[in-house]
N, C-alpha and C. Protein backbone atom coordinates (compact mmCIF):
# COMPACT_ATOMS: atom_id res chain seq x y z
N UNK A 1 96.43 -91.65 -85.16
CA UNK A 1 95.25 -90.81 -85.83
C UNK A 1 95.68 -90.82 -87.38
N UNK A 2 94.58 -90.85 -88.01
CA UNK A 2 94.78 -90.81 -89.56
C UNK A 2 95.23 -89.59 -90.06
N UNK A 3 96.08 -89.60 -90.99
CA UNK A 3 96.76 -88.38 -91.69
C UNK A 3 95.72 -87.53 -92.27
N UNK A 4 95.75 -86.30 -92.15
CA UNK A 4 94.75 -85.24 -92.73
C UNK A 4 95.39 -84.67 -93.88
N UNK A 5 94.53 -84.59 -94.97
CA UNK A 5 95.12 -83.94 -96.30
C UNK A 5 94.07 -82.93 -96.61
N UNK A 6 94.52 -81.61 -97.01
CA UNK A 6 93.59 -80.57 -97.61
C UNK A 6 93.91 -80.51 -99.02
N UNK A 7 92.88 -80.65 -99.74
CA UNK A 7 92.85 -80.52 -101.34
C UNK A 7 92.26 -79.35 -101.77
N UNK A 8 92.95 -78.52 -102.44
CA UNK A 8 92.47 -77.18 -102.94
C UNK A 8 92.49 -77.20 -104.43
N UNK A 9 91.28 -77.09 -105.01
CA UNK A 9 91.14 -77.15 -106.42
C UNK A 9 89.83 -76.48 -106.92
N UNK A 10 89.70 -75.75 -107.90
CA UNK A 10 88.39 -75.19 -108.26
C UNK A 10 87.53 -76.17 -109.18
N UNK A 11 88.17 -77.20 -109.56
CA UNK A 11 87.39 -78.25 -110.32
C UNK A 11 86.92 -79.27 -109.51
N UNK A 12 85.57 -79.40 -109.34
CA UNK A 12 84.76 -80.33 -108.52
C UNK A 12 85.13 -81.87 -108.77
N UNK A 13 85.52 -82.00 -110.02
CA UNK A 13 85.66 -83.42 -110.47
C UNK A 13 86.98 -83.86 -109.85
N UNK A 14 88.08 -83.01 -109.97
CA UNK A 14 89.37 -83.27 -109.27
C UNK A 14 89.27 -83.52 -107.86
N UNK A 15 88.49 -82.63 -107.02
CA UNK A 15 88.29 -82.84 -105.66
C UNK A 15 87.73 -84.10 -105.35
N UNK A 16 86.59 -84.59 -106.13
CA UNK A 16 85.95 -85.80 -105.88
C UNK A 16 86.92 -86.94 -106.09
N UNK A 17 87.60 -86.89 -107.29
CA UNK A 17 88.47 -88.04 -107.63
C UNK A 17 89.57 -88.19 -106.50
N UNK A 18 90.16 -87.15 -106.21
CA UNK A 18 91.35 -87.28 -105.16
C UNK A 18 90.64 -87.84 -103.74
N UNK A 19 89.63 -87.35 -103.45
CA UNK A 19 88.92 -87.76 -102.14
C UNK A 19 88.60 -89.18 -102.28
N UNK A 20 87.94 -89.57 -103.39
CA UNK A 20 87.64 -91.10 -103.56
C UNK A 20 88.75 -92.05 -103.67
N UNK A 21 89.92 -91.32 -104.12
CA UNK A 21 91.17 -92.19 -104.19
C UNK A 21 91.90 -92.42 -102.91
N UNK A 22 91.88 -91.39 -102.16
CA UNK A 22 92.60 -91.39 -100.88
C UNK A 22 91.89 -91.79 -99.58
N UNK A 23 90.59 -91.47 -99.50
CA UNK A 23 89.76 -91.77 -98.35
C UNK A 23 89.74 -93.23 -97.97
N UNK A 24 89.61 -94.13 -99.00
CA UNK A 24 89.56 -95.62 -98.63
C UNK A 24 90.94 -96.22 -98.15
N UNK A 25 91.98 -95.28 -98.30
CA UNK A 25 93.39 -95.74 -97.85
C UNK A 25 93.61 -95.26 -96.30
N UNK A 26 92.58 -94.69 -95.78
CA UNK A 26 92.58 -94.32 -94.41
C UNK A 26 93.04 -92.76 -94.14
N UNK A 27 93.15 -91.98 -95.31
CA UNK A 27 93.44 -90.59 -95.12
C UNK A 27 92.17 -89.81 -94.92
N UNK A 28 92.18 -88.79 -94.08
CA UNK A 28 91.00 -87.91 -93.87
C UNK A 28 91.20 -86.77 -94.78
N UNK A 29 90.36 -86.70 -95.85
CA UNK A 29 90.49 -85.80 -96.97
C UNK A 29 89.53 -84.75 -96.76
N UNK A 30 89.96 -83.38 -96.72
CA UNK A 30 89.08 -82.21 -96.70
C UNK A 30 89.34 -81.54 -98.07
N UNK A 31 88.25 -81.09 -98.74
CA UNK A 31 88.33 -80.48 -100.00
C UNK A 31 87.78 -78.91 -99.98
N UNK A 32 88.41 -78.11 -100.48
CA UNK A 32 87.96 -76.71 -100.67
C UNK A 32 88.18 -76.33 -102.06
N UNK A 33 87.36 -75.39 -102.59
CA UNK A 33 87.30 -74.88 -104.01
C UNK A 33 88.19 -73.68 -104.28
N UNK A 34 88.74 -73.11 -103.32
CA UNK A 34 89.52 -71.89 -103.61
C UNK A 34 90.61 -71.53 -102.42
N UNK A 35 91.43 -70.53 -102.70
CA UNK A 35 92.47 -70.21 -101.82
C UNK A 35 91.96 -69.66 -100.53
N UNK A 36 90.92 -68.93 -100.56
CA UNK A 36 90.46 -68.19 -99.26
C UNK A 36 89.90 -69.30 -98.36
N UNK A 37 89.16 -70.18 -98.83
CA UNK A 37 88.64 -71.27 -97.94
C UNK A 37 89.73 -72.25 -97.47
N UNK A 38 90.87 -72.39 -98.25
CA UNK A 38 92.06 -73.10 -97.89
C UNK A 38 92.74 -72.52 -96.73
N UNK A 39 92.91 -71.15 -96.68
CA UNK A 39 93.50 -70.43 -95.72
C UNK A 39 92.70 -70.38 -94.41
N UNK A 40 91.53 -70.41 -94.51
CA UNK A 40 90.60 -70.49 -93.26
C UNK A 40 90.82 -71.92 -92.79
N UNK A 41 90.76 -72.83 -93.52
CA UNK A 41 90.97 -74.30 -93.03
C UNK A 41 92.28 -74.51 -92.32
N UNK A 42 93.33 -73.84 -92.94
CA UNK A 42 94.67 -74.03 -92.42
C UNK A 42 94.78 -73.38 -90.89
N UNK A 43 94.16 -72.39 -90.82
CA UNK A 43 94.13 -71.66 -89.51
C UNK A 43 93.29 -72.26 -88.50
N UNK A 44 92.32 -73.08 -88.80
CA UNK A 44 91.45 -73.74 -87.86
C UNK A 44 91.74 -75.25 -87.60
N UNK A 45 92.49 -75.79 -88.51
CA UNK A 45 92.79 -77.24 -88.41
C UNK A 45 94.22 -77.57 -88.75
N UNK A 46 94.79 -78.71 -88.41
CA UNK A 46 96.05 -79.03 -88.61
C UNK A 46 96.05 -80.18 -89.66
N UNK A 47 96.69 -80.02 -90.74
CA UNK A 47 96.74 -80.99 -91.85
C UNK A 47 98.25 -81.50 -92.01
N UNK A 48 98.22 -82.71 -92.41
CA UNK A 48 99.71 -83.35 -92.71
C UNK A 48 100.19 -83.09 -94.02
N UNK A 49 99.29 -82.70 -94.96
CA UNK A 49 99.65 -82.48 -96.38
C UNK A 49 98.62 -81.60 -97.12
N UNK A 50 99.16 -80.72 -97.94
CA UNK A 50 98.30 -79.88 -98.67
C UNK A 50 98.54 -80.20 -100.17
N UNK A 51 97.49 -80.47 -100.94
CA UNK A 51 97.52 -80.65 -102.37
C UNK A 51 96.96 -79.54 -103.01
N UNK A 52 97.60 -78.77 -103.83
CA UNK A 52 97.13 -77.53 -104.31
C UNK A 52 97.22 -77.22 -105.79
N UNK A 53 96.14 -76.86 -106.39
CA UNK A 53 96.06 -76.49 -107.79
C UNK A 53 96.72 -75.18 -107.96
N UNK A 54 97.07 -74.86 -109.12
CA UNK A 54 97.68 -73.43 -109.33
C UNK A 54 96.65 -72.48 -109.93
N UNK A 55 95.88 -72.91 -110.99
CA UNK A 55 95.01 -72.13 -111.73
C UNK A 55 93.63 -72.10 -111.02
N UNK A 56 93.33 -71.09 -110.19
CA UNK A 56 92.07 -70.86 -109.48
C UNK A 56 91.76 -69.43 -109.54
N UNK A 57 90.42 -69.10 -109.39
CA UNK A 57 89.97 -67.68 -109.26
C UNK A 57 90.40 -67.07 -108.00
N UNK A 58 90.29 -65.79 -107.97
CA UNK A 58 90.74 -65.00 -106.83
C UNK A 58 92.18 -65.00 -106.52
N UNK A 59 92.63 -66.10 -105.97
CA UNK A 59 94.07 -66.30 -105.59
C UNK A 59 94.65 -67.57 -106.19
N UNK A 60 95.73 -67.35 -106.94
CA UNK A 60 96.23 -68.63 -107.55
C UNK A 60 97.15 -69.45 -106.52
N UNK A 61 97.39 -70.63 -106.96
CA UNK A 61 98.12 -71.64 -106.09
C UNK A 61 99.48 -71.08 -105.50
N UNK A 62 100.20 -70.36 -106.31
CA UNK A 62 101.46 -69.80 -105.90
C UNK A 62 101.24 -68.91 -104.75
N UNK A 63 100.18 -67.93 -104.66
CA UNK A 63 99.87 -67.14 -103.59
C UNK A 63 99.40 -67.82 -102.43
N UNK A 64 98.59 -68.74 -102.59
CA UNK A 64 98.08 -69.65 -101.44
C UNK A 64 99.20 -70.33 -100.90
N UNK A 65 100.18 -70.92 -101.67
CA UNK A 65 101.33 -71.64 -101.02
C UNK A 65 102.15 -70.63 -100.10
N UNK A 66 102.42 -69.43 -100.68
CA UNK A 66 103.29 -68.48 -99.97
C UNK A 66 102.57 -68.14 -98.65
N UNK A 67 101.21 -68.02 -98.64
CA UNK A 67 100.53 -67.67 -97.38
C UNK A 67 100.46 -68.80 -96.48
N UNK A 68 100.47 -70.03 -96.89
CA UNK A 68 100.45 -71.19 -96.03
C UNK A 68 101.89 -71.20 -95.37
N UNK A 69 102.90 -70.90 -96.12
CA UNK A 69 104.23 -70.92 -95.56
C UNK A 69 104.44 -69.91 -94.50
N UNK A 70 103.63 -68.78 -94.58
CA UNK A 70 103.79 -67.79 -93.48
C UNK A 70 103.27 -68.19 -92.16
N UNK A 71 102.45 -69.21 -92.18
CA UNK A 71 101.87 -69.69 -90.89
C UNK A 71 102.93 -70.66 -90.16
N UNK A 72 103.34 -70.23 -88.97
CA UNK A 72 104.37 -70.92 -88.36
C UNK A 72 104.23 -72.44 -88.30
N UNK A 73 103.00 -72.83 -87.96
CA UNK A 73 102.82 -74.36 -87.76
C UNK A 73 102.83 -75.05 -89.15
N UNK A 74 102.89 -74.35 -90.18
CA UNK A 74 102.85 -74.97 -91.51
C UNK A 74 104.28 -74.76 -92.23
N UNK A 75 105.26 -74.34 -91.51
CA UNK A 75 106.57 -74.04 -92.10
C UNK A 75 107.17 -75.48 -92.72
N UNK A 76 106.88 -76.58 -92.12
CA UNK A 76 107.49 -77.93 -92.54
C UNK A 76 106.44 -78.83 -93.20
N UNK A 77 105.24 -78.42 -93.23
CA UNK A 77 104.18 -79.23 -93.76
C UNK A 77 104.36 -79.40 -95.21
N UNK A 78 104.31 -80.78 -95.78
CA UNK A 78 104.39 -80.83 -97.12
C UNK A 78 103.41 -80.18 -97.96
N UNK A 79 103.68 -79.60 -99.15
CA UNK A 79 102.67 -79.02 -100.01
C UNK A 79 103.06 -79.60 -101.29
N UNK A 80 102.07 -80.19 -101.96
CA UNK A 80 102.11 -80.78 -103.34
C UNK A 80 101.38 -79.91 -104.33
N UNK A 81 101.97 -79.32 -105.18
CA UNK A 81 101.17 -78.68 -106.30
C UNK A 81 100.88 -79.57 -107.47
N UNK A 82 99.52 -79.77 -107.73
CA UNK A 82 99.10 -80.60 -108.79
C UNK A 82 98.35 -79.73 -109.77
N UNK A 83 98.89 -79.51 -110.93
CA UNK A 83 98.38 -78.52 -111.84
C UNK A 83 98.59 -78.87 -113.29
N UNK A 84 97.75 -78.24 -114.17
CA UNK A 84 97.98 -78.26 -115.61
C UNK A 84 98.97 -77.43 -116.01
N UNK A 85 99.40 -76.41 -115.33
CA UNK A 85 100.56 -75.58 -115.59
C UNK A 85 101.89 -76.29 -115.43
N UNK A 86 102.49 -76.88 -116.38
CA UNK A 86 103.61 -77.81 -116.23
C UNK A 86 104.87 -77.32 -116.86
N UNK A 87 104.94 -76.16 -117.19
CA UNK A 87 106.16 -75.50 -117.79
C UNK A 87 107.36 -75.44 -116.67
N UNK A 88 108.56 -75.37 -117.21
CA UNK A 88 109.67 -75.23 -116.27
C UNK A 88 109.63 -74.01 -115.36
N UNK A 89 109.14 -72.86 -115.99
CA UNK A 89 109.00 -71.64 -115.17
C UNK A 89 108.09 -71.72 -114.03
N UNK A 90 106.92 -72.38 -114.47
CA UNK A 90 105.83 -72.64 -113.43
C UNK A 90 106.38 -73.53 -112.26
N UNK A 91 107.07 -74.52 -112.65
CA UNK A 91 107.64 -75.51 -111.60
C UNK A 91 108.56 -74.62 -110.71
N UNK A 92 109.46 -73.89 -111.29
CA UNK A 92 110.44 -73.13 -110.41
C UNK A 92 109.60 -72.10 -109.59
N UNK A 93 108.58 -71.47 -110.10
CA UNK A 93 107.79 -70.53 -109.40
C UNK A 93 107.11 -71.17 -108.08
N UNK A 94 106.66 -72.52 -108.37
CA UNK A 94 105.91 -73.28 -107.39
C UNK A 94 106.88 -73.67 -106.17
N UNK A 95 108.14 -73.98 -106.56
CA UNK A 95 109.12 -74.34 -105.67
C UNK A 95 109.56 -73.03 -104.82
N UNK A 96 109.71 -72.03 -105.49
CA UNK A 96 110.13 -70.71 -104.74
C UNK A 96 108.97 -70.31 -103.96
N UNK A 97 107.77 -70.60 -104.19
CA UNK A 97 106.55 -70.24 -103.33
C UNK A 97 106.51 -71.16 -102.06
N UNK A 98 107.14 -72.24 -102.14
CA UNK A 98 107.31 -73.10 -100.85
C UNK A 98 106.85 -74.55 -101.14
N UNK A 99 106.55 -74.99 -102.39
CA UNK A 99 106.02 -76.38 -102.58
C UNK A 99 107.12 -77.26 -102.47
N UNK A 100 106.85 -78.48 -102.01
CA UNK A 100 107.78 -79.51 -101.93
C UNK A 100 107.82 -80.31 -103.18
N UNK A 101 106.64 -80.49 -103.83
CA UNK A 101 106.50 -81.28 -105.09
C UNK A 101 105.74 -80.40 -106.07
N UNK A 102 106.07 -80.42 -107.33
CA UNK A 102 105.30 -79.75 -108.34
C UNK A 102 105.02 -80.85 -109.43
N UNK A 103 103.59 -81.27 -109.58
CA UNK A 103 103.22 -82.31 -110.34
C UNK A 103 102.31 -81.90 -111.44
N UNK A 104 102.62 -82.34 -112.65
CA UNK A 104 101.73 -82.05 -113.75
C UNK A 104 100.43 -82.93 -113.79
N UNK A 105 99.30 -82.26 -114.16
CA UNK A 105 98.11 -83.16 -114.35
C UNK A 105 98.03 -83.42 -115.75
N UNK A 106 97.48 -84.57 -116.16
CA UNK A 106 96.96 -85.59 -115.32
C UNK A 106 98.04 -86.38 -114.57
N UNK A 107 97.70 -87.03 -113.60
CA UNK A 107 98.73 -87.88 -112.79
C UNK A 107 98.03 -89.25 -112.62
N UNK A 108 98.80 -90.34 -112.70
CA UNK A 108 98.14 -91.66 -112.45
C UNK A 108 97.81 -91.80 -111.10
N UNK A 109 96.64 -92.34 -110.83
CA UNK A 109 96.23 -92.60 -109.42
C UNK A 109 97.33 -93.37 -108.55
N UNK A 110 97.92 -94.34 -109.13
CA UNK A 110 99.04 -95.11 -108.34
C UNK A 110 100.17 -94.15 -108.05
N UNK A 111 100.57 -93.25 -108.95
CA UNK A 111 101.80 -92.51 -108.69
C UNK A 111 101.24 -91.35 -107.57
N UNK A 112 100.06 -90.90 -107.61
CA UNK A 112 99.62 -90.06 -106.56
C UNK A 112 99.62 -90.62 -105.18
N UNK A 113 99.12 -91.87 -105.16
CA UNK A 113 99.16 -92.56 -103.85
C UNK A 113 100.52 -92.64 -103.41
N UNK A 114 101.36 -93.19 -104.15
CA UNK A 114 102.84 -93.39 -103.69
C UNK A 114 103.46 -92.06 -103.31
N UNK A 115 103.25 -90.81 -104.01
CA UNK A 115 103.74 -89.68 -103.65
C UNK A 115 103.13 -89.03 -102.31
N UNK A 116 101.94 -89.29 -102.07
CA UNK A 116 101.10 -88.91 -100.97
C UNK A 116 101.80 -89.67 -99.70
N UNK A 117 101.89 -90.88 -99.84
CA UNK A 117 102.45 -91.71 -98.72
C UNK A 117 103.85 -91.31 -98.39
N UNK A 118 104.65 -91.10 -99.43
CA UNK A 118 106.03 -90.65 -99.10
C UNK A 118 106.03 -89.24 -98.52
N UNK A 119 105.27 -88.46 -98.96
CA UNK A 119 105.16 -87.01 -98.36
C UNK A 119 104.67 -87.00 -96.77
N UNK A 120 103.84 -87.91 -96.55
CA UNK A 120 103.34 -87.87 -95.13
C UNK A 120 104.23 -88.65 -94.11
N UNK A 121 105.16 -89.56 -94.74
CA UNK A 121 106.07 -90.34 -93.78
C UNK A 121 106.89 -89.40 -92.80
């Protein structure tokens, strides 16, 4: 079965770009614009990887990451934070929230593909 990826970002262009980058490679990409919808999807479907923005309305990516980690079936699922918040404190906060990778935007498409493939192995 094709690996399923949940992408959470409030920027429609980012969602579209990641979907168009990963879908042709055989990944099933689901996109949502905020943390609330992400948590609904997490509870109703099983994903192999979550790609998460930090700066979003309502609930930031750190909060979403912590809530995902509280779901037993997602304790080991890779979570990649992809964000414009690239300071060392932000990175540390992301890792403490439960992220496996903390990546600054922009990221080259080739690098993102490599990291996604490594995360899902």
